[in-house]
Amino acid sequence: QNPATQPYQTVLVPVDFTEDSQRALMLHRMQCC
């Protein structure tokens, strides 16, 4: 949505306890690590 002025500092991973949100959380964990 906004101009990219700096790298992201915080990532919000919405969770509704479905398999899709679990995959999103796992992907985030692997990517941030």
PDB file of all heavy atoms in Angstrom:
ATOM      1  N   GLN A   1       0.809  -1.212   0.000  1.00  0.00           N
ATOM      2  CA  GLN A   1       0.000   0.000   0.000  1.00  0.00           C
ATOM      3  C   GLN A   1       0.849   1.271   0.000  1.00  0.00           C
ATOM      4  O   GLN A   1       0.511   2.225  -0.668  1.00  0.00           O
ATOM      5  CB  GLN A   1      -0.912   0.034   1.228  1.00  0.00           C
ATOM      6  CG  GLN A   1      -1.993  -1.006   1.185  1.00  0.00           C
ATOM      7  CD  GLN A   1      -2.936  -0.876   2.360  1.00  0.00           C
ATOM      8  OE1 GLN A   1      -2.527  -0.625   3.484  1.00  0.00           O
ATOM      9  NE2 GLN A   1      -4.215  -1.039   2.094  1.00  0.00           N
ATOM     10  N   ASN A   2       1.908   1.261   0.771  1.00  0.00           N
ATOM     11  CA  ASN A   2       2.683   2.478   0.978  1.00  0.00           C
ATOM     12  C   ASN A   2       4.023   2.429   0.242  1.00  0.00           C
ATOM     13  O   ASN A   2       4.517   1.354  -0.078  1.00  0.00           O
ATOM     14  CB  ASN A   2       2.933   2.670   2.479  1.00  0.00           C
ATOM     15  CG  ASN A   2       1.636   2.823   3.234  1.00  0.00           C
ATOM     16  OD1 ASN A   2       0.741   3.535   2.801  1.00  0.00           O
ATOM     17  ND2 ASN A   2       1.515   2.143   4.350  1.00  0.00           N
ATOM     18  N   PRO A   3       4.625   3.598   0.016  1.00  0.00           N
ATOM     19  CA  PRO A   3       5.951   3.630  -0.605  1.00  0.00           C
ATOM     20  C   PRO A   3       6.967   2.858   0.240  1.00  0.00           C
ATOM     21  O   PRO A   3       6.890   2.846   1.470  1.00  0.00           O
ATOM     22  CB  PRO A   3       6.300   5.122  -0.641  1.00  0.00           C
ATOM     23  CG  PRO A   3       4.992   5.829  -0.549  1.00  0.00           C
ATOM     24  CD  PRO A   3       4.099   4.949   0.271  1.00  0.00           C
ATOM     25  N   ALA A   4       7.910   2.224  -0.422  1.00  0.00           N
ATOM     26  CA  ALA A   4       8.946   1.438   0.261  1.00  0.00           C
ATOM     27  C   ALA A   4      10.116   2.352   0.592  1.00  0.00           C
ATOM     28  O   ALA A   4      10.955   2.620  -0.244  1.00  0.00           O
ATOM     29  CB  ALA A   4       9.393   0.291  -0.625  1.00  0.00           C
ATOM     30  N   THR A   5      10.151   2.845   1.816  1.00  0.00           N
ATOM     31  CA  THR A   5      11.223   3.747   2.214  1.00  0.00           C
ATOM     32  C   THR A   5      12.320   3.036   2.982  1.00  0.00           C
ATOM     33  O   THR A   5      13.441   3.515   3.039  1.00  0.00           O
ATOM     34  CB  THR A   5      10.666   4.901   3.074  1.00  0.00           C
ATOM     35  OG1 THR A   5       9.996   4.336   4.205  1.00  0.00           O
ATOM     36  CG2 THR A   5       9.695   5.756   2.269  1.00  0.00           C
ATOM     37  N   GLN A   6      11.970   1.899   3.608  1.00  0.00           N
ATOM     38  CA  GLN A   6      12.937   1.113   4.365  1.00  0.00           C
ATOM     39  C   GLN A   6      12.430  -0.322   4.445  1.00  0.00           C
ATOM     40  O   GLN A   6      11.263  -0.577   4.210  1.00  0.00           O
ATOM     41  CB  GLN A   6      13.137   1.684   5.764  1.00  0.00           C
ATOM     42  CG  GLN A   6      11.877   1.645   6.621  1.00  0.00           C
ATOM     43  CD  GLN A   6      12.100   2.291   7.976  1.00  0.00           C
ATOM     44  OE1 GLN A   6      13.131   2.866   8.249  1.00  0.00           O
ATOM     45  NE2 GLN A   6      11.127   2.167   8.853  1.00  0.00           N
ATOM     46  N   PRO A   7      13.310  -1.261   4.801  1.00  0.00           N
ATOM     47  CA  PRO A   7      12.860  -2.653   4.940  1.00  0.00           C
ATOM     48  C   PRO A   7      11.797  -2.774   6.032  1.00  0.00           C
ATOM     49  O   PRO A   7      11.750  -1.965   6.960  1.00  0.00           O
ATOM     50  CB  PRO A   7      14.129  -3.399   5.346  1.00  0.00           C
ATOM     51  CG  PRO A   7      15.250  -2.538   4.887  1.00  0.00           C
ATOM     52  CD  PRO A   7      14.745  -1.125   4.991  1.00  0.00           C
ATOM     53  N   TYR A   8      10.945  -3.780   5.897  1.00  0.00           N
ATOM     54  CA  TYR A   8       9.958  -4.040   6.946  1.00  0.00           C
ATOM     55  C   TYR A   8      10.675  -4.367   8.243  1.00  0.00           C
ATOM     56  O   TYR A   8      11.666  -5.089   8.264  1.00  0.00           O
ATOM     57  CB  TYR A   8       9.051  -5.209   6.572  1.00  0.00           C
ATOM     58  CG  TYR A   8       8.042  -4.891   5.501  1.00  0.00           C
ATOM     59  CD1 TYR A   8       7.887  -5.731   4.409  1.00  0.00           C
ATOM     60  CD2 TYR A   8       7.220  -3.776   5.590  1.00  0.00           C
ATOM     61  CE1 TYR A   8       6.939  -5.459   3.428  1.00  0.00           C
ATOM     62  CE2 TYR A   8       6.290  -3.484   4.614  1.00  0.00           C
ATOM     63  CZ  TYR A   8       6.144  -4.333   3.541  1.00  0.00           C
ATOM     64  OH  TYR A   8       5.217  -4.073   2.567  1.00  0.00           O
ATOM     65  N   GLN A   9      10.160  -3.845   9.351  1.00  0.00           N
ATOM     66  CA  GLN A   9      10.718  -4.110  10.670  1.00  0.00           C
ATOM     67  C   GLN A   9       9.859  -5.107  11.437  1.00  0.00           C
ATOM     68  O   GLN A   9      10.338  -5.806  12.315  1.00  0.00           O
ATOM     69  CB  GLN A   9      10.831  -2.808  11.475  1.00  0.00           C
ATOM     70  CG  GLN A   9      11.717  -1.777  10.816  1.00  0.00           C
ATOM     71  CD  GLN A   9      13.141  -2.267  10.638  1.00  0.00           C
ATOM     72  OE1 GLN A   9      13.739  -2.824  11.536  1.00  0.00           O
ATOM     73  NE2 GLN A   9      13.679  -2.091   9.441  1.00  0.00           N
ATOM     74  N   THR A  10       8.578  -5.142  11.147  1.00  0.00           N
ATOM     75  CA  THR A  10       7.631  -5.983  11.859  1.00  0.00           C
ATOM     76  C   THR A  10       6.753  -6.703  10.849  1.00  0.00           C
ATOM     77  O   THR A  10       6.348  -6.113   9.854  1.00  0.00           O
ATOM     78  CB  THR A  10       6.734  -5.128  12.782  1.00  0.00           C
ATOM     79  OG1 THR A  10       7.582  -4.359  13.640  1.00  0.00           O
ATOM     80  CG2 THR A  10       5.808  -5.990  13.618  1.00  0.00           C
ATOM     81  N   VAL A  11       6.454  -7.952  11.128  1.00  0.00           N
ATOM     82  CA  VAL A  11       5.583  -8.736  10.276  1.00  0.00           C
ATOM     83  C   VAL A  11       4.396  -9.203  11.101  1.00  0.00           C
ATOM     84  O   VAL A  11       4.571  -9.745  12.194  1.00  0.00           O
ATOM     85  CB  VAL A  11       6.313  -9.964   9.688  1.00  0.00           C
ATOM     86  CG1 VAL A  11       5.377 -10.823   8.872  1.00  0.00           C
ATOM     87  CG2 VAL A  11       7.505  -9.514   8.863  1.00  0.00           C
ATOM     88  N   LEU A  12       3.202  -8.978  10.604  1.00  0.00           N
ATOM     89  CA  LEU A  12       1.983  -9.432  11.257  1.00  0.00           C
ATOM     90  C   LEU A  12       1.491 -10.656  10.508  1.00  0.00           C
ATOM     91  O   LEU A  12       1.269 -10.596   9.293  1.00  0.00           O
ATOM     92  CB  LEU A  12       0.919  -8.332  11.237  1.00  0.00           C
ATOM     93  CG  LEU A  12      -0.457  -8.720  11.751  1.00  0.00           C
ATOM     94  CD1 LEU A  12      -0.377  -9.045  13.246  1.00  0.00           C
ATOM     95  CD2 LEU A  12      -1.443  -7.591  11.503  1.00  0.00           C
ATOM     96  N   VAL A  13       1.344 -11.763  11.211  1.00  0.00           N
ATOM     97  CA  VAL A  13       0.825 -12.984  10.597  1.00  0.00           C
ATOM     98  C   VAL A  13      -0.539 -13.258  11.227  1.00  0.00           C
ATOM     99  O   VAL A  13      -0.617 -13.680  12.388  1.00  0.00           O
ATOM    100  CB  VAL A  13       1.781 -14.185  10.825  1.00  0.00           C
ATOM    101  CG1 VAL A  13       1.223 -15.428  10.154  1.00  0.00           C
ATOM    102  CG2 VAL A  13       3.175 -13.864  10.315  1.00  0.00           C
ATOM    103  N   PRO A  14      -1.621 -12.994  10.499  1.00  0.00           N
ATOM    104  CA  PRO A  14      -2.955 -13.268  11.054  1.00  0.00           C
ATOM    105  C   PRO A  14      -3.155 -14.773  11.224  1.00  0.00           C
ATOM    106  O   PRO A  14      -2.728 -15.557  10.387  1.00  0.00           O
ATOM    107  CB  PRO A  14      -3.918 -12.716  10.007  1.00  0.00           C
ATOM    108  CG  PRO A  14      -3.095 -12.158   8.923  1.00  0.00           C
ATOM    109  CD  PRO A  14      -1.672 -12.467   9.169  1.00  0.00           C
ATOM    110  N   VAL A  15      -3.779 -15.147  12.315  1.00  0.00           N
ATOM    111  CA  VAL A  15      -3.975 -16.563  12.605  1.00  0.00           C
ATOM    112  C   VAL A  15      -5.445 -16.809  12.926  1.00  0.00           C
ATOM    113  O   VAL A  15      -6.025 -16.144  13.779  1.00  0.00           O
ATOM    114  CB  VAL A  15      -3.098 -16.996  13.805  1.00  0.00           C
ATOM    115  CG1 VAL A  15      -3.347 -18.445  14.176  1.00  0.00           C
ATOM    116  CG2 VAL A  15      -1.636 -16.761  13.487  1.00  0.00           C
ATOM    117  N   ASP A  16      -6.038 -17.759  12.213  1.00  0.00           N
ATOM    118  CA  ASP A  16      -7.405 -18.178  12.515  1.00  0.00           C
ATOM    119  C   ASP A  16      -7.460 -19.682  12.800  1.00  0.00           C
ATOM    120  O   ASP A  16      -8.511 -20.291  12.781  1.00  0.00           O
ATOM    121  CB  ASP A  16      -8.366 -17.794  11.395  1.00  0.00           C
ATOM    122  CG  ASP A  16      -8.032 -18.475  10.081  1.00  0.00           C
ATOM    123  OD1 ASP A  16      -7.080 -19.277  10.039  1.00  0.00           O
ATOM    124  OD2 ASP A  16      -8.729 -18.209   9.091  1.00  0.00           O
ATOM    125  N   PHE A  17      -6.287 -20.286  13.029  1.00  0.00           N
ATOM    126  CA  PHE A  17      -6.129 -21.687  13.392  1.00  0.00           C
ATOM    127  C   PHE A  17      -6.509 -22.663  12.279  1.00  0.00           C
ATOM    128  O   PHE A  17      -6.790 -23.821  12.540  1.00  0.00           O
ATOM    129  CB  PHE A  17      -6.893 -22.005  14.690  1.00  0.00           C
ATOM    130  CG  PHE A  17      -6.454 -21.112  15.823  1.00  0.00           C
ATOM    131  CD1 PHE A  17      -7.254 -20.066  16.237  1.00  0.00           C
ATOM    132  CD2 PHE A  17      -5.219 -21.279  16.428  1.00  0.00           C
ATOM    133  CE1 PHE A  17      -6.847 -19.217  17.246  1.00  0.00           C
ATOM    134  CE2 PHE A  17      -4.802 -20.440  17.440  1.00  0.00           C
ATOM    135  CZ  PHE A  17      -5.613 -19.405  17.847  1.00  0.00           C
ATOM    136  N   THR A  18      -6.499 -22.204  11.040  1.00  0.00           N
ATOM    137  CA  THR A  18      -6.713 -23.088   9.898  1.00  0.00           C
ATOM    138  C   THR A  18      -5.353 -23.550   9.386  1.00  0.00           C
ATOM    139  O   THR A  18      -4.309 -23.041   9.802  1.00  0.00           O
ATOM    140  CB  THR A  18      -7.455 -22.366   8.756  1.00  0.00           C
ATOM    141  OG1 THR A  18      -6.636 -21.280   8.306  1.00  0.00           O
ATOM    142  CG2 THR A  18      -8.814 -21.858   9.208  1.00  0.00           C
ATOM    143  N   GLU A  19      -5.368 -24.502   8.455  1.00  0.00           N
ATOM    144  CA  GLU A  19      -4.118 -24.970   7.860  1.00  0.00           C
ATOM    145  C   GLU A  19      -3.407 -23.847   7.113  1.00  0.00           C
ATOM    146  O   GLU A  19      -2.181 -23.767   7.137  1.00  0.00           O
ATOM    147  CB  GLU A  19      -4.390 -26.144   6.914  1.00  0.00           C
ATOM    148  CG  GLU A  19      -4.693 -27.443   7.631  1.00  0.00           C
ATOM    149  CD  GLU A  19      -4.856 -28.599   6.659  1.00  0.00           C
ATOM    150  OE1 GLU A  19      -4.129 -28.644   5.654  1.00  0.00           O
ATOM    151  OE2 GLU A  19      -5.716 -29.454   6.926  1.00  0.00           O
ATOM    152  N   ASP A  20      -4.172 -22.983   6.444  1.00  0.00           N
ATOM    153  CA  ASP A  20      -3.557 -21.874   5.707  1.00  0.00           C
ATOM    154  C   ASP A  20      -2.806 -20.935   6.646  1.00  0.00           C
ATOM    155  O   ASP A  20      -1.696 -20.499   6.339  1.00  0.00           O
ATOM    156  CB  ASP A  20      -4.613 -21.088   4.915  1.00  0.00           C
ATOM    157  CG  ASP A  20      -5.114 -21.860   3.715  1.00  0.00           C
ATOM    158  OD1 ASP A  20      -4.389 -22.759   3.229  1.00  0.00           O
ATOM    159  OD2 ASP A  20      -6.223 -21.548   3.258  1.00  0.00           O
ATOM    160  N   SER A  21      -3.395 -20.628   7.801  1.00  0.00           N
ATOM    161  CA  SER A  21      -2.689 -19.725   8.715  1.00  0.00           C
ATOM    162  C   SER A  21      -1.478 -20.422   9.332  1.00  0.00           C
ATOM    163  O   SER A  21      -0.457 -19.786   9.589  1.00  0.00           O
ATOM    164  CB  SER A  21      -3.625 -19.181   9.797  1.00  0.00           C
ATOM    165  OG  SER A  21      -4.052 -20.191  10.676  1.00  0.00           O
ATOM    166  N   GLN A  22      -1.553 -21.722   9.526  1.00  0.00           N
ATOM    167  CA  GLN A  22      -0.398 -22.461  10.022  1.00  0.00           C
ATOM    168  C   GLN A  22       0.742 -22.410   9.000  1.00  0.00           C
ATOM    169  O   GLN A  22       1.899 -22.194   9.358  1.00  0.00           O
ATOM    170  CB  GLN A  22      -0.766 -23.909  10.327  1.00  0.00           C
ATOM    171  CG  GLN A  22       0.392 -24.700  10.904  1.00  0.00           C
ATOM    172  CD  GLN A  22       0.010 -26.133  11.207  1.00  0.00           C
ATOM    173  OE1 GLN A  22      -1.123 -26.551  11.015  1.00  0.00           O
ATOM    174  NE2 GLN A  22       0.974 -26.897  11.685  1.00  0.00           N
ATOM    175  N   ARG A  23       0.416 -22.573   7.712  1.00  0.00           N
ATOM    176  CA  ARG A  23       1.445 -22.487   6.670  1.00  0.00           C
ATOM    177  C   ARG A  23       2.046 -21.087   6.624  1.00  0.00           C
ATOM    178  O   ARG A  23       3.252 -20.925   6.451  1.00  0.00           O
ATOM    179  CB  ARG A  23       0.854 -22.863   5.310  1.00  0.00           C
ATOM    180  CG  ARG A  23       0.721 -24.359   5.111  1.00  0.00           C
ATOM    181  CD  ARG A  23       0.478 -24.713   3.654  1.00  0.00           C
ATOM    182  NE  ARG A  23      -0.725 -24.132   3.098  1.00  0.00           N
ATOM    183  CZ  ARG A  23      -1.927 -24.706   3.112  1.00  0.00           C
ATOM    184  NH1 ARG A  23      -2.085 -25.891   3.633  1.00  0.00           N
ATOM    185  NH2 ARG A  23      -2.960 -24.096   2.569  1.00  0.00           N
ATOM    186  N   ALA A  24       1.208 -20.069   6.759  1.00  0.00           N
ATOM    187  CA  ALA A  24       1.710 -18.685   6.750  1.00  0.00           C
ATOM    188  C   ALA A  24       2.667 -18.456   7.913  1.00  0.00           C
ATOM    189  O   ALA A  24       3.722 -17.833   7.753  1.00  0.00           O
ATOM    190  CB  ALA A  24       0.548 -17.700   6.815  1.00  0.00           C
ATOM    191  N   LEU A  25       2.318 -18.969   9.061  1.00  0.00           N
ATOM    192  CA  LEU A  25       3.168 -18.816  10.235  1.00  0.00           C
ATOM    193  C   LEU A  25       4.489 -19.558  10.056  1.00  0.00           C
ATOM    194  O   LEU A  25       5.562 -19.043  10.382  1.00  0.00           O
ATOM    195  CB  LEU A  25       2.428 -19.330  11.469  1.00  0.00           C
ATOM    196  CG  LEU A  25       2.988 -18.965  12.824  1.00  0.00           C
ATOM    197  CD1 LEU A  25       3.094 -17.457  12.982  1.00  0.00           C
ATOM    198  CD2 LEU A  25       2.122 -19.548  13.923  1.00  0.00           C
ATOM    199  N   MET A  26       4.434 -20.764   9.499  1.00  0.00           N
ATOM    200  CA  MET A  26       5.661 -21.534   9.260  1.00  0.00           C
ATOM    201  C   MET A  26       6.549 -20.831   8.232  1.00  0.00           C
ATOM    202  O   MET A  26       7.765 -20.772   8.395  1.00  0.00           O
ATOM    203  CB  MET A  26       5.312 -22.950   8.806  1.00  0.00           C
ATOM    204  CG  MET A  26       4.735 -23.804   9.925  1.00  0.00           C
ATOM    205  SD  MET A  26       4.138 -25.407   9.356  1.00  0.00           S
ATOM    206  CE  MET A  26       5.603 -26.101   8.638  1.00  0.00           C
ATOM    207  N   LEU A  27       5.934 -20.308   7.176  1.00  0.00           N
ATOM    208  CA  LEU A  27       6.711 -19.591   6.162  1.00  0.00           C
ATOM    209  C   LEU A  27       7.378 -18.369   6.775  1.00  0.00           C
ATOM    210  O   LEU A  27       8.559 -18.114   6.553  1.00  0.00           O
ATOM    211  CB  LEU A  27       5.821 -19.173   4.992  1.00  0.00           C
ATOM    212  CG  LEU A  27       6.511 -18.361   3.904  1.00  0.00           C
ATOM    213  CD1 LEU A  27       7.605 -19.192   3.235  1.00  0.00           C
ATOM    214  CD2 LEU A  27       5.497 -17.904   2.871  1.00  0.00           C
ATOM    215  N   HIS A  28       6.642 -17.638   7.580  1.00  0.00           N
ATOM    216  CA  HIS A  28       7.223 -16.470   8.246  1.00  0.00           C
ATOM    217  C   HIS A  28       8.394 -16.890   9.125  1.00  0.00           C
ATOM    218  O   HIS A  28       9.459 -16.273   9.104  1.00  0.00           O
ATOM    219  CB  HIS A  28       6.172 -15.747   9.085  1.00  0.00           C
ATOM    220  CG  HIS A  28       6.788 -14.872  10.123  1.00  0.00           C
ATOM    221  ND1 HIS A  28       7.486 -13.732   9.798  1.00  0.00           N
ATOM    222  CD2 HIS A  28       6.876 -14.998  11.463  1.00  0.00           C
ATOM    223  CE1 HIS A  28       7.954 -13.185  10.896  1.00  0.00           C
ATOM    224  NE2 HIS A  28       7.604 -13.932  11.912  1.00  0.00           N
ATOM    225  N   ARG A  29       8.210 -17.945   9.897  1.00  0.00           N
ATOM    226  CA  ARG A  29       9.271 -18.390  10.800  1.00  0.00           C
ATOM    227  C   ARG A  29      10.526 -18.764  10.013  1.00  0.00           C
ATOM    228  O   ARG A  29      11.628 -18.372  10.359  1.00  0.00           O
ATOM    229  CB  ARG A  29       8.804 -19.563  11.644  1.00  0.00           C
ATOM    230  CG  ARG A  29       9.812 -19.908  12.726  1.00  0.00           C
ATOM    231  CD  ARG A  29       9.305 -20.960  13.637  1.00  0.00           C
ATOM    232  NE  ARG A  29       9.538 -22.243  12.995  1.00  0.00           N
ATOM    233  CZ  ARG A  29       9.052 -23.387  13.430  1.00  0.00           C
ATOM    234  NH1 ARG A  29       8.271 -23.406  14.479  1.00  0.00           N
ATOM    235  NH2 ARG A  29       9.321 -24.504  12.813  1.00  0.00           N
ATOM    236  N   MET A  30      10.350 -19.501   8.917  1.00  0.00           N
ATOM    237  CA  MET A  30      11.510 -19.889   8.114  1.00  0.00           C
ATOM    238  C   MET A  30      12.165 -18.671   7.478  1.00  0.00           C
ATOM    239  O   MET A  30      13.373 -18.558   7.446  1.00  0.00           O
ATOM    240  CB  MET A  30      11.095 -20.884   7.024  1.00  0.00           C
ATOM    241  CG  MET A  30      10.779 -22.237   7.600  1.00  0.00           C
ATOM    242  SD  MET A  30      10.374 -23.502   6.396  1.00  0.00           S
ATOM    243  CE  MET A  30       9.847 -22.656   4.982  1.00  0.00           C
ATOM    244  N   GLN A  31      11.353 -17.748   6.988  1.00  0.00           N
ATOM    245  CA  GLN A  31      11.894 -16.582   6.300  1.00  0.00           C
ATOM    246  C   GLN A  31      12.602 -15.653   7.278  1.00  0.00           C
ATOM    247  O   GLN A  31      13.674 -15.173   7.000  1.00  0.00           O
ATOM    248  CB  GLN A  31      10.755 -15.853   5.576  1.00  0.00           C
ATOM    249  CG  GLN A  31      11.119 -15.230   4.288  1.00  0.00           C
ATOM    250  CD  GLN A  31      11.880 -16.132   3.334  1.00  0.00           C
ATOM    251  OE1 GLN A  31      11.410 -17.159   2.864  1.00  0.00           O
ATOM    252  NE2 GLN A  31      13.077 -15.727   3.021  1.00  0.00           N
ATOM    253  N   CYS A  32      12.009 -15.403   8.431  1.00  0.00           N
ATOM    254  CA  CYS A  32      12.652 -14.462   9.357  1.00  0.00           C
ATOM    255  C   CYS A  32      13.896 -15.082   9.971  1.00  0.00           C
ATOM    256  O   CYS A  32      14.872 -14.392  10.209  1.00  0.00           O
ATOM    257  CB  CYS A  32      11.687 -13.955  10.423  1.00  0.00           C
ATOM    258  SG  CYS A  32      11.412 -15.052  11.822  1.00  0.00           S
ATOM    259  N   CYS A  33      13.897 -16.367  10.201  1.00  0.00           N
ATOM    260  CA  CYS A  33      15.100 -17.009  10.743  1.00  0.00           C
ATOM    261  C   CYS A  33      16.209 -17.022   9.699  1.00  0.00           C
ATOM    262  O   CYS A  33      17.374 -16.872  10.034  1.00  0.00           O
ATOM    263  CB  CYS A  33      14.794 -18.431  11.193  1.00  0.00           C
ATOM    264  SG  CYS A  33      13.688 -18.479  12.621  1.00  0.00           S
TER     265      CYS A  33
END
